[in-house]
């Protein structure tokens, strides 16, 4: 997957107090993603955009769009990525 395809899948990070706490407690970052994106596509897009290996992806459909809760292997990797995208 190239960067252009990945940016069509991962639209933006979703930042609230709850998702901010998820970075530290659960090694997860929340993104708003394309409604038609599947879990493997989301994992591949995060890998293409941020060069981070994804451990697990959960999704939920909300009024804000489709959310993807992306879990990373360690809290340090999640914290580094959150800092890189401007969450922290």
C-alpha atoms as a PDB file:
ATOM      1  CA  UNK A   1       0.000   0.000   0.000  1.00  0.00           C
ATOM      2  CA  UNK A   2       1.340   3.431  -0.900  1.00  0.00           C
ATOM      3  CA  UNK A   3       0.947   6.653   1.084  1.00  0.00           C
ATOM      4  CA  UNK A   4      -1.869   8.047  -1.113  1.00  0.00           C
ATOM      5  CA  UNK A   5      -4.032   4.974  -0.523  1.00  0.00           C
ATOM      6  CA  UNK A   6      -3.228   5.036   3.189  1.00  0.00           C
ATOM      7  CA  UNK A   7      -4.273   8.694   3.549  1.00  0.00           C
ATOM      8  CA  UNK A   8      -7.641   7.836   2.005  1.00  0.00           C
ATOM      9  CA  UNK A   9      -8.170   5.168   4.690  1.00  0.00           C
ATOM     10  CA  UNK A  10      -6.773   6.980   7.765  1.00  0.00           C
ATOM     11  CA  UNK A  11      -8.559  10.333   7.787  1.00  0.00           C
ATOM     12  CA  UNK A  12      -7.409  11.860  11.109  1.00  0.00           C
ATOM     13  CA  UNK A  13      -6.623  11.012  14.723  1.00  0.00           C
ATOM     14  CA  UNK A  14      -9.533  11.224  17.153  1.00  0.00           C
ATOM     15  CA  UNK A  15      -8.469  13.017  20.319  1.00  0.00           C
ATOM     16  CA  UNK A  16     -10.509  13.168  23.534  1.00  0.00           C
ATOM     17  CA  UNK A  17      -9.618  12.726  27.193  1.00  0.00           C
ATOM     18  CA  UNK A  18     -10.623   9.074  26.984  1.00  0.00           C
ATOM     19  CA  UNK A  19      -8.536   8.331  23.873  1.00  0.00           C
ATOM     20  CA  UNK A  20      -5.659  10.311  25.378  1.00  0.00           C
ATOM     21  CA  UNK A  21      -5.731   7.987  28.418  1.00  0.00           C
ATOM     22  CA  UNK A  22      -5.887   4.937  26.142  1.00  0.00           C
ATOM     23  CA  UNK A  23      -2.395   5.739  24.841  1.00  0.00           C
ATOM     24  CA  UNK A  24      -0.887   5.322  28.307  1.00  0.00           C
ATOM     25  CA  UNK A  25      -3.124   2.580  29.715  1.00  0.00           C
ATOM     26  CA  UNK A  26      -3.791   0.291  26.737  1.00  0.00           C
ATOM     27  CA  UNK A  27      -1.177   1.234  24.081  1.00  0.00           C
ATOM     28  CA  UNK A  28      -4.012   2.275  21.731  1.00  0.00           C
ATOM     29  CA  UNK A  29      -4.527   5.253  19.431  1.00  0.00           C
ATOM     30  CA  UNK A  30      -7.917   6.115  17.958  1.00  0.00           C
ATOM     31  CA  UNK A  31      -8.328   7.241  14.334  1.00  0.00           C
ATOM     32  CA  UNK A  32     -11.298   8.301  12.222  1.00  0.00           C
ATOM     33  CA  UNK A  33     -11.151   6.071   9.145  1.00  0.00           C
ATOM     34  CA  UNK A  34     -13.011   5.575   5.865  1.00  0.00           C
ATOM     35  CA  UNK A  35     -16.366   3.847   6.361  1.00  0.00           C
ATOM     36  CA  UNK A  36     -15.538   1.076   3.883  1.00  0.00           C
ATOM     37  CA  UNK A  37     -12.089   0.272   5.338  1.00  0.00           C
ATOM     38  CA  UNK A  38     -11.551  -3.191   6.779  1.00  0.00           C
ATOM     39  CA  UNK A  39      -9.405  -4.020   9.805  1.00  0.00           C
ATOM     40  CA  UNK A  40      -6.500  -5.440   7.715  1.00  0.00           C
ATOM     41  CA  UNK A  41      -6.589  -2.364   5.475  1.00  0.00           C
ATOM     42  CA  UNK A  42      -6.451  -0.070   8.525  1.00  0.00           C
ATOM     43  CA  UNK A  43      -3.481  -1.980   9.955  1.00  0.00           C
ATOM     44  CA  UNK A  44      -1.664  -1.814   6.623  1.00  0.00           C
ATOM     45  CA  UNK A  45      -2.402   1.924   6.267  1.00  0.00           C
ATOM     46  CA  UNK A  46      -1.011   2.690   9.745  1.00  0.00           C
ATOM     47  CA  UNK A  47       2.087   0.672   8.881  1.00  0.00           C
ATOM     48  CA  UNK A  48       2.499   2.558   5.583  1.00  0.00           C
ATOM     49  CA  UNK A  49       1.971   6.026   7.074  1.00  0.00           C
ATOM     50  CA  UNK A  50       3.784   5.759  10.391  1.00  0.00           C
ATOM     51  CA  UNK A  51       6.101   2.714  10.051  1.00  0.00           C
ATOM     52  CA  UNK A  52       4.656   1.160  13.206  1.00  0.00           C
ATOM     53  CA  UNK A  53       3.713  -2.496  13.552  1.00  0.00           C
ATOM     54  CA  UNK A  54       0.073  -2.920  14.596  1.00  0.00           C
ATOM     55  CA  UNK A  55      -0.851  -5.594  17.126  1.00  0.00           C
ATOM     56  CA  UNK A  56      -4.656  -5.403  16.917  1.00  0.00           C
ATOM     57  CA  UNK A  57      -7.450  -3.250  15.423  1.00  0.00           C
ATOM     58  CA  UNK A  58     -10.985  -2.737  16.774  1.00  0.00           C
ATOM     59  CA  UNK A  59     -13.579  -0.641  14.942  1.00  0.00           C
ATOM     60  CA  UNK A  60     -16.801   1.121  15.864  1.00  0.00           C
ATOM     61  CA  UNK A  61     -19.319   3.099  13.828  1.00  0.00           C
ATOM     62  CA  UNK A  62     -20.326   6.382  15.468  1.00  0.00           C
ATOM     63  CA  UNK A  63     -21.933   9.691  14.532  1.00  0.00           C
ATOM     64  CA  UNK A  64     -18.421  11.044  13.938  1.00  0.00           C
ATOM     65  CA  UNK A  65     -17.692   8.310  11.391  1.00  0.00           C
ATOM     66  CA  UNK A  66     -15.963   4.977  11.700  1.00  0.00           C
ATOM     67  CA  UNK A  67     -13.418   4.865  14.526  1.00  0.00           C
ATOM     68  CA  UNK A  68     -10.478   2.494  14.585  1.00  0.00           C
ATOM     69  CA  UNK A  69      -8.811   1.690  17.897  1.00  0.00           C
ATOM     70  CA  UNK A  70      -5.304   0.600  16.906  1.00  0.00           C
ATOM     71  CA  UNK A  71      -3.279  -1.271  19.525  1.00  0.00           C
ATOM     72  CA  UNK A  72       0.510  -1.302  19.327  1.00  0.00           C
ATOM     73  CA  UNK A  73       3.041  -3.755  20.762  1.00  0.00           C
ATOM     74  CA  UNK A  74       4.183  -1.487  23.601  1.00  0.00           C
ATOM     75  CA  UNK A  75       3.170   1.705  25.366  1.00  0.00           C
ATOM     76  CA  UNK A  76       6.422   3.355  24.244  1.00  0.00           C
ATOM     77  CA  UNK A  77       5.583   2.822  20.560  1.00  0.00           C
ATOM     78  CA  UNK A  78       2.071   4.187  21.050  1.00  0.00           C
ATOM     79  CA  UNK A  79       3.411   7.181  22.977  1.00  0.00           C
ATOM     80  CA  UNK A  80       6.049   7.900  20.314  1.00  0.00           C
ATOM     81  CA  UNK A  81       3.458   7.790  17.532  1.00  0.00           C
ATOM     82  CA  UNK A  82       1.016   9.956  19.511  1.00  0.00           C
ATOM     83  CA  UNK A  83       3.777  12.533  19.958  1.00  0.00           C
ATOM     84  CA  UNK A  84       4.642  12.343  16.262  1.00  0.00           C
ATOM     85  CA  UNK A  85       1.038  13.021  15.135  1.00  0.00           C
ATOM     86  CA  UNK A  86       0.536  15.788  17.701  1.00  0.00           C
ATOM     87  CA  UNK A  87      -1.699  14.100  20.268  1.00  0.00           C
ATOM     88  CA  UNK A  88       0.661  14.599  23.216  1.00  0.00           C
END
